[in-house]
Structure formats: structure tokens, C-alpha cells
């Protein structure tokens, strides 16, 4: 992790957060997903993790069109532009047939530098991710009584990875991207059961007092049954019990014509909008799975 001074920010209700700390845990989140993939699967599908100074690149050759998992993180870190590291990472990804998403954290002293470079490299701001935070106060909502949430601590207990892949519209083999996360240090992986059947997932990564929530996927038969509300409730409680003071989650920004169920669920769980992070892409705005 880069040695950068904390950047103070605050939500409307007074929840304090540091965008640099959120960036750091997001880097770790994706890095550890890629590091957990078996070498056989990585070789077969072109799954690679590249490091270019402060820039972290994650690419999947066989999912080149899925920009949400072909990411260059760290565009606003010191030296990313001036040191040529962002340029090198873009070239590396394109050599693998991938035009990646490049999230650009707004409001930093280096934001303008990154935006200027990306425009010159043929990128444009596209569909963004809204970042949400909340403190660890107990949930002020009750989970649905007919949904049971269980923590999966090993790869074979429940179909966590298969549900993540299917819920995001990815090919079945993509379950291998997530199969080793249950039981990994600092990871908590959960499955929601409806009528005894595993139907939805959620995960979180615990890191120095912050919990990042992700992997929220629901199979079609169980949608609108409250699975994600139940998973949010369980993770909020467990994050607080683990000593986390800040919880962080993100989902696609609200735009006309796009579903916003995830956005509403997050707000109902007591999270607040922190900031919108545009994703820059060579092809402009794209849909995500």
C-alpha cells in the first residue's frame, strides 16, 4: 500500500471516510480474487494480474468484453501518470486483447492529471460506480423471516461461486474465479437459502477496520424475495462484531433505463452515497453484466 496522507471526507449525516482507504481495500479485494484462481484455470482463460508501480491490472482474455472485471486500478495514485505506469498498464492490457475500465477517483489532487492522460489515450468517462459508506451501528431493519443466511467457510459447503457467476450473467466456468474465496483469511462469504435452497450470495473483505461488501448475486427464481436485504443485514452485524468501524459497498450509478434494485437495497440498509466514481473506457459507456 502506498504511503499517502489520509484524505478527510464526510457524508451528509457525518460519517467520516477516506477515499484513499476505500481505494486501497478495493485494490486488495480484486487482487485477492485473482490470486485465488488456480493456475490451470488462469492459463486456460487468460486470467492475469499485472502490477505497474501503483497501478494494478486485472484482465481475463476470454471475457474481454466484460469491462467490470477487466480493471486498471490506481490511475490517481502518485506516479501513475508521470511515471508512465498507467500508460504501460493500458498497453499491457491491450496486448492481451482487452480494453479495460479505468476508475478515476474524483476530487483528488491527481484526478485532473489522470483524466487528461486518459482523454489523450482515447478513453472517455463511461458508466460509473456509486460508492456508499455507513458506520457500524446496528441495522435498523429486520431481515425477511423466510430467508436463512449461512456463512460458507469452505469451497464445497454451498454453491457460492456458481451463484456469483450465474447471478452476474457470466459463463459457468467463471465460478472458478470465486471458488477459493470461502475460508480465505479476512474474507467472509455467505449464501442465502430460500426454502432450503441456496439462491443468493454476498461476501465481504475485512481490512484494518473497514469492511468492503461485494459479490451480491441472486438467482432469478429468488429475486424480490429479500435475499440481498438478509445478506446485507448479516454482513453489517458480522462486520461490527469483527471490529470494523466503516462499511463500504458500491453499485452502478442510477441512470434511466437501468435496474436500480441494488441501489435501493443499499440505501435501505443505512448506507449513504459517498461519491460517484466514473469508469473510463476506450469505447465510452458500456453495459455491465
Foldseek 3Di string as FASTA:
>chain_A
DDDDDFDWDAFPVGDTDGVVVVLVVVLVVLVVLLVQFDPVLCVVFVWDWDDQPQWIFTDTLNPQVFQVNGEIGDLQPPCCQVVCRVVVRCVVQVVSVHFHWYWQDPDDPRRVVSVVVQVVVQKDWAWWKWKWKDFLDAFPDDADPQKDKDWAQALPPAQLLQQLCVQQPHDSVSSSSPRGQRNPPQKIKMFIAGVRHTFWIKMWGDDDQEIEIDSTGGHPVCPPVRRVLVVLNVVSNVSVVVRHGMYMYMDIDDDPPDDCPVVVSCVSRPIDTRDIITIMTNVHYDDHD
